[in-house]
Amino acid sequence: MKHETIGVTVRLLDSEYRFSCLSSERDELLEAAHCLDDKMREIREHGSRNLSQEAVAVMAAMNLSHELLRQQRLSAEADTLVGTAIQDILHKVDAFLSKIAPPEL
């Protein structure tokens, strides 16, 4: 039943939207909708109350996209640092092992 497609209704800024997703993805969809709704409400509260729902949604999408890109860059930088550290450790281990054990023929 994990691959069964289901309908899920979410509420975003006082409007309901219906989505289809796999039953196994339902909780993630609801979590994403909750996150988006929070961001939209934050924008509406700190901005003009006269903004259209479409404008609020676009601003929320831009903010979330910016956050995603920043996290992807940070993750890529961390991956590079970890990869470099691992290579350094491997070189040190190889150097140490070459000193204590002669190469096998």
PDB file of N, CA and C in Angstrom:
ATOM      1  N   MET A   1       0.805  -1.209   0.000  1.00  0.00           N
ATOM      2  CA  MET A   1       0.000   0.000   0.000  1.00  0.00           C
ATOM      3  C   MET A   1       0.848   1.273   0.000  1.00  0.00           C
ATOM      4  N   LYS A   2       2.151   1.153   0.087  1.00  0.00           N
ATOM      5  CA  LYS A   2       3.030   2.318   0.130  1.00  0.00           C
ATOM      6  C   LYS A   2       2.987   3.093  -1.181  1.00  0.00           C
ATOM      7  N   HIS A   3       2.639   2.435  -2.306  1.00  0.00           N
ATOM      8  CA  HIS A   3       2.660   3.093  -3.605  1.00  0.00           C
ATOM      9  C   HIS A   3       1.268   3.566  -4.034  1.00  0.00           C
ATOM     10  N   GLU A   4       0.330   3.523  -3.125  1.00  0.00           N
ATOM     11  CA  GLU A   4      -1.028   3.963  -3.418  1.00  0.00           C
ATOM     12  C   GLU A   4      -1.084   5.488  -3.440  1.00  0.00           C
ATOM     13  N   THR A   5      -1.701   6.049  -4.482  1.00  0.00           N
ATOM     14  CA  THR A   5      -1.864   7.498  -4.576  1.00  0.00           C
ATOM     15  C   THR A   5      -3.118   7.897  -3.822  1.00  0.00           C
ATOM     16  N   ILE A   6      -2.955   8.925  -2.994  1.00  0.00           N
ATOM     17  CA  ILE A   6      -4.077   9.415  -2.200  1.00  0.00           C
ATOM     18  C   ILE A   6      -4.238  10.913  -2.420  1.00  0.00           C
ATOM     19  N   GLY A   7      -5.397  11.426  -2.082  1.00  0.00           N
ATOM     20  CA  GLY A   7      -5.650  12.861  -2.120  1.00  0.00           C
ATOM     21  C   GLY A   7      -5.466  13.436  -0.731  1.00  0.00           C
ATOM     22  N   VAL A   8      -4.804  14.583  -0.659  1.00  0.00           N
ATOM     23  CA  VAL A   8      -4.568  15.242   0.625  1.00  0.00           C
ATOM     24  C   VAL A   8      -4.973  16.705   0.481  1.00  0.00           C
ATOM     25  N   THR A   9      -5.764  17.180   1.423  1.00  0.00           N
ATOM     26  CA  THR A   9      -6.166  18.579   1.433  1.00  0.00           C
ATOM     27  C   THR A   9      -5.318  19.321   2.448  1.00  0.00           C
ATOM     28  N   VAL A  10      -4.746  20.433   2.012  1.00  0.00           N
ATOM     29  CA  VAL A  10      -3.950  21.267   2.912  1.00  0.00           C
ATOM     30  C   VAL A  10      -4.529  22.668   2.921  1.00  0.00           C
ATOM     31  N   ARG A  11      -4.282  23.353   3.997  1.00  0.00           N
ATOM     32  CA  ARG A  11      -4.774  24.720   4.163  1.00  0.00           C
ATOM     33  C   ARG A  11      -3.570  25.663   4.134  1.00  0.00           C
ATOM     34  N   LEU A  12      -3.609  26.606   3.192  1.00  0.00           N
ATOM     35  CA  LEU A  12      -2.565  27.613   3.068  1.00  0.00           C
ATOM     36  C   LEU A  12      -3.205  28.988   3.117  1.00  0.00           C
ATOM     37  N   LEU A  13      -2.890  29.737   4.129  1.00  0.00           N
ATOM     38  CA  LEU A  13      -3.389  31.097   4.286  1.00  0.00           C
ATOM     39  C   LEU A  13      -4.910  31.166   4.089  1.00  0.00           C
ATOM     40  N   ASP A  14      -5.597  30.323   4.815  1.00  0.00           N
ATOM     41  CA  ASP A  14      -7.065  30.291   4.851  1.00  0.00           C
ATOM     42  C   ASP A  14      -7.731  29.803   3.568  1.00  0.00           C
ATOM     43  N   SER A  15      -6.977  29.210   2.670  1.00  0.00           N
ATOM     44  CA  SER A  15      -7.554  28.588   1.478  1.00  0.00           C
ATOM     45  C   SER A  15      -7.150  27.122   1.459  1.00  0.00           C
ATOM     46  N   GLU A  16      -8.038  26.288   0.946  1.00  0.00           N
ATOM     47  CA  GLU A  16      -7.748  24.865   0.875  1.00  0.00           C
ATOM     48  C   GLU A  16      -7.293  24.477  -0.525  1.00  0.00           C
ATOM     49  N   TYR A  17      -6.316  23.571  -0.558  1.00  0.00           N
ATOM     50  CA  TYR A  17      -5.783  23.058  -1.816  1.00  0.00           C
ATOM     51  C   TYR A  17      -5.713  21.544  -1.710  1.00  0.00           C
ATOM     52  N   ARG A  18      -6.002  20.889  -2.802  1.00  0.00           N
ATOM     53  CA  ARG A  18      -5.982  19.424  -2.817  1.00  0.00           C
ATOM     54  C   ARG A  18      -4.811  18.958  -3.661  1.00  0.00           C
ATOM     55  N   PHE A  19      -4.045  18.020  -3.107  1.00  0.00           N
ATOM     56  CA  PHE A  19      -2.876  17.459  -3.779  1.00  0.00           C
ATOM     57  C   PHE A  19      -3.003  15.955  -3.829  1.00  0.00           C
ATOM     58  N   SER A  20      -2.354  15.355  -4.797  1.00  0.00           N
ATOM     59  CA  SER A  20      -2.210  13.908  -4.858  1.00  0.00           C
ATOM     60  C   SER A  20      -0.776  13.573  -4.512  1.00  0.00           C
ATOM     61  N   CYS A  21      -0.624  12.504  -3.757  1.00  0.00           N
ATOM     62  CA  CYS A  21       0.726  12.048  -3.424  1.00  0.00           C
ATOM     63  C   CYS A  21       0.655  10.575  -3.068  1.00  0.00           C
ATOM     64  N   LEU A  22       1.819   9.956  -2.976  1.00  0.00           N
ATOM     65  CA  LEU A  22       1.860   8.579  -2.508  1.00  0.00           C
ATOM     66  C   LEU A  22       1.509   8.561  -1.023  1.00  0.00           C
ATOM     67  N   SER A  23       0.855   7.508  -0.592  1.00  0.00           N
ATOM     68  CA  SER A  23       0.461   7.435   0.819  1.00  0.00           C
ATOM     69  C   SER A  23       1.685   7.524   1.725  1.00  0.00           C
ATOM     70  N   SER A  24       2.814   7.015   1.254  1.00  0.00           N
ATOM     71  CA  SER A  24       4.042   7.067   2.052  1.00  0.00           C
ATOM     72  C   SER A  24       4.606   8.483   2.161  1.00  0.00           C
ATOM     73  N   GLU A  25       4.148   9.411   1.322  1.00  0.00           N
ATOM     74  CA  GLU A  25       4.642  10.784   1.328  1.00  0.00           C
ATOM     75  C   GLU A  25       3.682  11.768   1.996  1.00  0.00           C
ATOM     76  N   ARG A  26       2.571  11.252   2.505  1.00  0.00           N
ATOM     77  CA  ARG A  26       1.533  12.112   3.078  1.00  0.00           C
ATOM     78  C   ARG A  26       2.061  13.004   4.191  1.00  0.00           C
ATOM     79  N   ASP A  27       2.768  12.420   5.147  1.00  0.00           N
ATOM     80  CA  ASP A  27       3.251  13.199   6.287  1.00  0.00           C
ATOM     81  C   ASP A  27       4.231  14.289   5.846  1.00  0.00           C
ATOM     82  N   GLU A  28       5.086  13.976   4.868  1.00  0.00           N
ATOM     83  CA  GLU A  28       6.025  14.978   4.366  1.00  0.00           C
ATOM     84  C   GLU A  28       5.291  16.111   3.653  1.00  0.00           C
ATOM     85  N   LEU A  29       4.254  15.777   2.907  1.00  0.00           N
ATOM     86  CA  LEU A  29       3.457  16.800   2.228  1.00  0.00           C
ATOM     87  C   LEU A  29       2.799  17.710   3.254  1.00  0.00           C
ATOM     88  N   LEU A  30       2.227  17.134   4.294  1.00  0.00           N
ATOM     89  CA  LEU A  30       1.585  17.945   5.331  1.00  0.00           C
ATOM     90  C   LEU A  30       2.599  18.826   6.057  1.00  0.00           C
ATOM     91  N   GLU A  31       3.787  18.285   6.302  1.00  0.00           N
ATOM     92  CA  GLU A  31       4.839  19.073   6.948  1.00  0.00           C
ATOM     93  C   GLU A  31       5.270  20.236   6.047  1.00  0.00           C
ATOM     94  N   ALA A  32       5.415  19.976   4.757  1.00  0.00           N
ATOM     95  CA  ALA A  32       5.788  21.022   3.808  1.00  0.00           C
ATOM     96  C   ALA A  32       4.694  22.101   3.745  1.00  0.00           C
ATOM     97  N   ALA A  33       3.441  21.684   3.740  1.00  0.00           N
ATOM     98  CA  ALA A  33       2.329  22.632   3.702  1.00  0.00           C
ATOM     99  C   ALA A  33       2.315  23.490   4.959  1.00  0.00           C
ATOM    100  N   HIS A  34       2.576  22.872   6.099  1.00  0.00           N
ATOM    101  CA  HIS A  34       2.612  23.613   7.366  1.00  0.00           C
ATOM    102  C   HIS A  34       3.740  24.651   7.333  1.00  0.00           C
ATOM    103  N   CYS A  35       4.896  24.258   6.827  1.00  0.00           N
ATOM    104  CA  CYS A  35       6.041  25.166   6.709  1.00  0.00           C
ATOM    105  C   CYS A  35       5.699  26.340   5.788  1.00  0.00           C
ATOM    106  N   LEU A  36       5.095  26.045   4.641  1.00  0.00           N
ATOM    107  CA  LEU A  36       4.727  27.087   3.691  1.00  0.00           C
ATOM    108  C   LEU A  36       3.666  28.013   4.285  1.00  0.00           C
ATOM    109  N   ASP A  37       2.689  27.449   4.964  1.00  0.00           N
ATOM    110  CA  ASP A  37       1.646  28.256   5.593  1.00  0.00           C
ATOM    111  C   ASP A  37       2.253  29.191   6.637  1.00  0.00           C
ATOM    112  N   ASP A  38       3.168  28.670   7.448  1.00  0.00           N
ATOM    113  CA  ASP A  38       3.841  29.516   8.444  1.00  0.00           C
ATOM    114  C   ASP A  38       4.571  30.670   7.778  1.00  0.00           C
ATOM    115  N   LYS A  39       5.302  30.371   6.694  1.00  0.00           N
ATOM    116  CA  LYS A  39       6.066  31.409   5.984  1.00  0.00           C
ATOM    117  C   LYS A  39       5.118  32.441   5.380  1.00  0.00           C
ATOM    118  N   MET A  40       4.024  31.991   4.807  1.00  0.00           N
ATOM    119  CA  MET A  40       3.061  32.918   4.208  1.00  0.00           C
ATOM    120  C   MET A  40       2.434  33.812   5.267  1.00  0.00           C
ATOM    121  N   ARG A  41       2.107  33.243   6.406  1.00  0.00           N
ATOM    122  CA  ARG A  41       1.523  34.042   7.496  1.00  0.00           C
ATOM    123  C   ARG A  41       2.537  35.057   8.030  1.00  0.00           C
ATOM    124  N   GLU A  42       3.771  34.647   8.127  1.00  0.00           N
ATOM    125  CA  GLU A  42       4.837  35.549   8.577  1.00  0.00           C
ATOM    126  C   GLU A  42       4.964  36.741   7.622  1.00  0.00           C
ATOM    127  N   ILE A  43       4.940  36.469   6.329  1.00  0.00           N
ATOM    128  CA  ILE A  43       5.052  37.534   5.330  1.00  0.00           C
ATOM    129  C   ILE A  43       3.847  38.457   5.406  1.00  0.00           C
ATOM    130  N   ARG A  44       2.664  37.888   5.542  1.00  0.00           N
ATOM    131  CA  ARG A  44       1.454  38.709   5.606  1.00  0.00           C
ATOM    132  C   ARG A  44       1.444  39.574   6.871  1.00  0.00           C
ATOM    133  N   GLU A  45       1.916  39.010   7.998  1.00  0.00           N
ATOM    134  CA  GLU A  45       1.922  39.765   9.249  1.00  0.00           C
ATOM    135  C   GLU A  45       2.948  40.891   9.241  1.00  0.00           C
ATOM    136  N   HIS A  46       4.102  40.664   8.591  1.00  0.00           N
ATOM    137  CA  HIS A  46       5.166  41.669   8.600  1.00  0.00           C
ATOM    138  C   HIS A  46       5.111  42.595   7.386  1.00  0.00           C
ATOM    139  N   GLY A  47       4.271  42.273   6.459  1.00  0.00           N
ATOM    140  CA  GLY A  47       4.150  43.096   5.259  1.00  0.00           C
ATOM    141  C   GLY A  47       2.813  43.803   5.258  1.00  0.00           C
ATOM    142  N   SER A  48       2.446  44.219   4.111  1.00  0.00           N
ATOM    143  CA  SER A  48       1.167  44.889   3.947  1.00  0.00           C
ATOM    144  C   SER A  48       0.035  43.869   3.973  1.00  0.00           C
ATOM    145  N   ARG A  49      -0.997  44.185   4.702  1.00  0.00           N
ATOM    146  CA  ARG A  49      -2.172  43.309   4.744  1.00  0.00           C
ATOM    147  C   ARG A  49      -2.894  43.322   3.398  1.00  0.00           C
ATOM    148  N   ASN A  50      -2.533  44.270   2.544  1.00  0.00           N
ATOM    149  CA  ASN A  50      -3.190  44.408   1.241  1.00  0.00           C
ATOM    150  C   ASN A  50      -2.556  43.543   0.166  1.00  0.00           C
ATOM    151  N   LEU A  51      -1.481  42.820   0.505  1.00  0.00           N
ATOM    152  CA  LEU A  51      -0.865  41.947  -0.485  1.00  0.00           C
ATOM    153  C   LEU A  51      -1.843  40.849  -0.877  1.00  0.00           C
ATOM    154  N   SER A  52      -1.876  40.543  -2.162  1.00  0.00           N
ATOM    155  CA  SER A  52      -2.730  39.444  -2.613  1.00  0.00           C
ATOM    156  C   SER A  52      -2.146  38.125  -2.120  1.00  0.00           C
ATOM    157  N   GLN A  53      -2.983  37.134  -2.069  1.00  0.00           N
ATOM    158  CA  GLN A  53      -2.512  35.812  -1.659  1.00  0.00           C
ATOM    159  C   GLN A  53      -1.445  35.317  -2.636  1.00  0.00           C
ATOM    160  N   GLU A  54      -1.592  35.651  -3.907  1.00  0.00           N
ATOM    161  CA  GLU A  54      -0.600  35.259  -4.905  1.00  0.00           C
ATOM    162  C   GLU A  54       0.749  35.913  -4.614  1.00  0.00           C
ATOM    163  N   ALA A  55       0.742  37.196  -4.272  1.00  0.00           N
ATOM    164  CA  ALA A  55       1.989  37.901  -3.961  1.00  0.00           C
ATOM    165  C   ALA A  55       2.643  37.312  -2.719  1.00  0.00           C
ATOM    166  N   VAL A  56       1.851  37.003  -1.716  1.00  0.00           N
ATOM    167  CA  VAL A  56       2.378  36.386  -0.494  1.00  0.00           C
ATOM    168  C   VAL A  56       2.983  35.025  -0.825  1.00  0.00           C
ATOM    169  N   ALA A  57       2.306  34.252  -1.672  1.00  0.00           N
ATOM    170  CA  ALA A  57       2.809  32.922  -2.042  1.00  0.00           C
ATOM    171  C   ALA A  57       4.129  33.025  -2.800  1.00  0.00           C
ATOM    172  N   VAL A  58       4.240  33.990  -3.721  1.00  0.00           N
ATOM    173  CA  VAL A  58       5.480  34.166  -4.482  1.00  0.00           C
ATOM    174  C   VAL A  58       6.609  34.595  -3.554  1.00  0.00           C
ATOM    175  N   MET A  59       6.337  35.502  -2.642  1.00  0.00           N
ATOM    176  CA  MET A  59       7.362  35.943  -1.694  1.00  0.00           C
ATOM    177  C   MET A  59       7.809  34.781  -0.802  1.00  0.00           C
ATOM    178  N   ALA A  60       6.859  33.971  -0.353  1.00  0.00           N
ATOM    179  CA  ALA A  60       7.195  32.808   0.477  1.00  0.00           C
ATOM    180  C   ALA A  60       8.034  31.815  -0.321  1.00  0.00           C
ATOM    181  N   ALA A  61       7.655  31.595  -1.572  1.00  0.00           N
ATOM    182  CA  ALA A  61       8.416  30.674  -2.420  1.00  0.00           C
ATOM    183  C   ALA A  61       9.839  31.183  -2.628  1.00  0.00           C
ATOM    184  N   MET A  62      10.003  32.487  -2.838  1.00  0.00           N
ATOM    185  CA  MET A  62      11.342  33.057  -3.004  1.00  0.00           C
ATOM    186  C   MET A  62      12.160  32.899  -1.727  1.00  0.00           C
ATOM    187  N   ASN A  63      11.555  33.165  -0.580  1.00  0.00           N
ATOM    188  CA  ASN A  63      12.264  33.011   0.697  1.00  0.00           C
ATOM    189  C   ASN A  63      12.686  31.562   0.921  1.00  0.00           C
ATOM    190  N   LEU A  64      11.785  30.634   0.685  1.00  0.00           N
ATOM    191  CA  LEU A  64      12.102  29.216   0.892  1.00  0.00           C
ATOM    192  C   LEU A  64      13.140  28.736  -0.116  1.00  0.00           C
ATOM    193  N   SER A  65      13.056  29.224  -1.348  1.00  0.00           N
ATOM    194  CA  SER A  65      14.044  28.857  -2.359  1.00  0.00           C
ATOM    195  C   SER A  65      15.421  29.374  -1.968  1.00  0.00           C
ATOM    196  N   HIS A  66      15.478  30.587  -1.468  1.00  0.00           N
ATOM    197  CA  HIS A  66      16.741  31.165  -1.014  1.00  0.00           C
ATOM    198  C   HIS A  66      17.332  30.345   0.130  1.00  0.00           C
ATOM    199  N   GLU A  67      16.494  29.981   1.092  1.00  0.00           N
ATOM    200  CA  GLU A  67      16.957  29.162   2.219  1.00  0.00           C
ATOM    201  C   GLU A  67      17.472  27.799   1.739  1.00  0.00           C
ATOM    202  N   LEU A  68      16.767  27.198   0.794  1.00  0.00           N
ATOM    203  CA  LEU A  68      17.184  25.904   0.255  1.00  0.00           C
ATOM    204  C   LEU A  68      18.543  26.009  -0.432  1.00  0.00           C
ATOM    205  N   LEU A  69      18.707  27.023  -1.274  1.00  0.00           N
ATOM    206  CA  LEU A  69      19.983  27.206  -1.975  1.00  0.00           C
ATOM    207  C   LEU A  69      21.131  27.453  -1.000  1.00  0.00           C
ATOM    208  N   ARG A  70      20.877  28.233   0.041  1.00  0.00           N
ATOM    209  CA  ARG A  70      21.911  28.487   1.047  1.00  0.00           C
ATOM    210  C   ARG A  70      22.304  27.190   1.753  1.00  0.00           C
ATOM    211  N   GLN A  71      21.312  26.382   2.106  1.00  0.00           N
ATOM    212  CA  GLN A  71      21.601  25.109   2.773  1.00  0.00           C
ATOM    213  C   GLN A  71      22.344  24.150   1.843  1.00  0.00           C
ATOM    214  N   GLN A  72      21.984  24.155   0.564  1.00  0.00           N
ATOM    215  CA  GLN A  72      22.688  23.289  -0.393  1.00  0.00           C
ATOM    216  C   GLN A  72      24.147  23.714  -0.529  1.00  0.00           C
ATOM    217  N   ARG A  73      24.399  25.017  -0.560  1.00  0.00           N
ATOM    218  CA  ARG A  73      25.781  25.506  -0.639  1.00  0.00           C
ATOM    219  C   ARG A  73      26.564  25.124   0.612  1.00  0.00           C
ATOM    220  N   LEU A  74      25.952  25.311   1.782  1.00  0.00           N
ATOM    221  CA  LEU A  74      26.621  24.948   3.035  1.00  0.00           C
ATOM    222  C   LEU A  74      26.906  23.452   3.085  1.00  0.00           C
ATOM    223  N   SER A  75      25.970  22.660   2.623  1.00  0.00           N
ATOM    224  CA  SER A  75      26.153  21.211   2.601  1.00  0.00           C
ATOM    225  C   SER A  75      27.287  20.820   1.659  1.00  0.00           C
ATOM    226  N   ALA A  76      27.345  21.456   0.495  1.00  0.00           N
ATOM    227  CA  ALA A  76      28.414  21.164  -0.462  1.00  0.00           C
ATOM    228  C   ALA A  76      29.772  21.555   0.117  1.00  0.00           C
ATOM    229  N   GLU A  77      29.827  22.698   0.803  1.00  0.00           N
ATOM    230  CA  GLU A  77      31.077  23.120   1.435  1.00  0.00           C
ATOM    231  C   GLU A  77      31.486  22.134   2.525  1.00  0.00           C
ATOM    232  N   ALA A  78      30.530  21.682   3.315  1.00  0.00           N
ATOM    233  CA  ALA A  78      30.827  20.713   4.375  1.00  0.00           C
ATOM    234  C   ALA A  78      31.306  19.399   3.773  1.00  0.00           C
ATOM    235  N   ASP A  79      30.664  18.963   2.686  1.00  0.00           N
ATOM    236  CA  ASP A  79      31.093  17.732   2.011  1.00  0.00           C
ATOM    237  C   ASP A  79      32.531  17.849   1.528  1.00  0.00           C
ATOM    238  N   THR A  80      32.884  19.011   0.987  1.00  0.00           N
ATOM    239  CA  THR A  80      34.249  19.237   0.506  1.00  0.00           C
ATOM    240  C   THR A  80      35.244  19.183   1.667  1.00  0.00           C
ATOM    241  N   LEU A  81      34.902  19.837   2.767  1.00  0.00           N
ATOM    242  CA  LEU A  81      35.784  19.828   3.939  1.00  0.00           C
ATOM    243  C   LEU A  81      35.960  18.424   4.501  1.00  0.00           C
ATOM    244  N   VAL A  82      34.866  17.681   4.586  1.00  0.00           N
ATOM    245  CA  VAL A  82      34.935  16.309   5.098  1.00  0.00           C
ATOM    246  C   VAL A  82      35.758  15.443   4.155  1.00  0.00           C
ATOM    247  N   GLY A  83      35.536  15.587   2.857  1.00  0.00           N
ATOM    248  CA  GLY A  83      36.309  14.812   1.878  1.00  0.00           C
ATOM    249  C   GLY A  83      37.795  15.097   1.975  1.00  0.00           C
ATOM    250  N   THR A  84      38.142  16.366   2.139  1.00  0.00           N
ATOM    251  CA  THR A  84      39.551  16.747   2.287  1.00  0.00           C
ATOM    252  C   THR A  84      40.134  16.160   3.565  1.00  0.00           C
ATOM    253  N   ALA A  85      39.395  16.230   4.653  1.00  0.00           N
ATOM    254  CA  ALA A  85      39.864  15.679   5.929  1.00  0.00           C
ATOM    255  C   ALA A  85      40.065  14.169   5.828  1.00  0.00           C
ATOM    256  N   ILE A  86      39.152  13.492   5.161  1.00  0.00           N
ATOM    257  CA  ILE A  86      39.277  12.037   4.991  1.00  0.00           C
ATOM    258  C   ILE A  86      40.516  11.704   4.169  1.00  0.00           C
ATOM    259  N   GLN A  87      40.736  12.446   3.086  1.00  0.00           N
ATOM    260  CA  GLN A  87      41.929  12.210   2.262  1.00  0.00           C
ATOM    261  C   GLN A  87      43.205  12.435   3.069  1.00  0.00           C
ATOM    262  N   ASP A  88      43.231  13.476   3.899  1.00  0.00           N
ATOM    263  CA  ASP A  88      44.400  13.738   4.749  1.00  0.00           C
ATOM    264  C   ASP A  88      44.640  12.582   5.714  1.00  0.00           C
ATOM    265  N   ILE A  89      43.582  12.085   6.313  1.00  0.00           N
ATOM    266  CA  ILE A  89      43.713  10.964   7.256  1.00  0.00           C
ATOM    267  C   ILE A  89      44.211   9.720   6.524  1.00  0.00           C
ATOM    268  N   LEU A  90      43.660   9.455   5.351  1.00  0.00           N
ATOM    269  CA  LEU A  90      44.096   8.283   4.589  1.00  0.00           C
ATOM    270  C   LEU A  90      45.569   8.376   4.208  1.00  0.00           C
ATOM    271  N   HIS A  91      46.017   9.559   3.826  1.00  0.00           N
ATOM    272  CA  HIS A  91      47.438   9.743   3.494  1.00  0.00           C
ATOM    273  C   HIS A  91      48.310   9.487   4.726  1.00  0.00           C
ATOM    274  N   LYS A  92      47.874   9.982   5.883  1.00  0.00           N
ATOM    275  CA  LYS A  92      48.642   9.771   7.114  1.00  0.00           C
ATOM    276  C   LYS A  92      48.676   8.291   7.497  1.00  0.00           C
ATOM    277  N   VAL A  93      47.551   7.617   7.360  1.00  0.00           N
ATOM    278  CA  VAL A  93      47.501   6.176   7.666  1.00  0.00           C
ATOM    279  C   VAL A  93      48.407   5.416   6.704  1.00  0.00           C
ATOM    280  N   ASP A  94      48.325   5.739   5.416  1.00  0.00           N
ATOM    281  CA  ASP A  94      49.189   5.076   4.430  1.00  0.00           C
ATOM    282  C   ASP A  94      50.665   5.311   4.741  1.00  0.00           C
ATOM    283  N   ALA A  95      51.002   6.545   5.087  1.00  0.00           N
ATOM    284  CA  ALA A  95      52.397   6.864   5.410  1.00  0.00           C
ATOM    285  C   ALA A  95      52.856   6.093   6.642  1.00  0.00           C
ATOM    286  N   PHE A  96      52.004   6.018   7.643  1.00  0.00           N
ATOM    287  CA  PHE A  96      52.341   5.299   8.862  1.00  0.00           C
ATOM    288  C   PHE A  96      52.510   3.805   8.578  1.00  0.00           C
ATOM    289  N   LEU A  97      51.574   3.245   7.846  1.00  0.00           N
ATOM    290  CA  LEU A  97      51.639   1.814   7.535  1.00  0.00           C
ATOM    291  C   LEU A  97      52.856   1.479   6.670  1.00  0.00           C
ATOM    292  N   SER A  98      53.219   2.368   5.782  1.00  0.00           N
ATOM    293  CA  SER A  98      54.387   2.088   4.932  1.00  0.00           C
ATOM    294  C   SER A  98      55.683   2.081   5.754  1.00  0.00           C
ATOM    295  N   LYS A  99      55.696   2.752   6.884  1.00  0.00           N
ATOM    296  CA  LYS A  99      56.885   2.777   7.753  1.00  0.00           C
ATOM    297  C   LYS A  99      57.003   1.521   8.606  1.00  0.00           C
ATOM    298  N   ILE A 100      55.852   0.933   8.978  1.00  0.00           N
ATOM    299  CA  ILE A 100      55.915  -0.208   9.899  1.00  0.00           C
ATOM    300  C   ILE A 100      55.816  -1.557   9.213  1.00  0.00           C
ATOM    301  N   ALA A 101      55.320  -1.603   8.011  1.00  0.00           N
ATOM    302  CA  ALA A 101      55.178  -2.903   7.327  1.00  0.00           C
ATOM    303  C   ALA A 101      55.706  -2.766   5.905  1.00  0.00           C
ATOM    304  N   PRO A 102      56.631  -3.646   5.528  1.00  0.00           N
ATOM    305  CA  PRO A 102      57.115  -3.603   4.150  1.00  0.00           C
ATOM    306  C   PRO A 102      55.998  -4.029   3.194  1.00  0.00           C
ATOM    307  N   PRO A 103      56.009  -3.500   1.993  1.00  0.00           N
ATOM    308  CA  PRO A 103      54.968  -3.889   1.028  1.00  0.00           C
ATOM    309  C   PRO A 103      55.037  -5.369   0.708  1.00  0.00           C
ATOM    310  N   GLU A 104      53.885  -6.002   0.565  1.00  0.00           N
ATOM    311  CA  GLU A 104      53.823  -7.414   0.236  1.00  0.00           C
ATOM    312  C   GLU A 104      54.042  -7.596  -1.260  1.00  0.00           C
ATOM    313  N   LEU A 105      54.689  -8.701  -1.579  1.00  0.00           N
ATOM    314  CA  LEU A 105      54.935  -8.999  -2.993  1.00  0.00           C
ATOM    315  C   LEU A 105      53.928  -9.958  -3.525  1.00  0.00           C
TER     316      LEU A 105
END
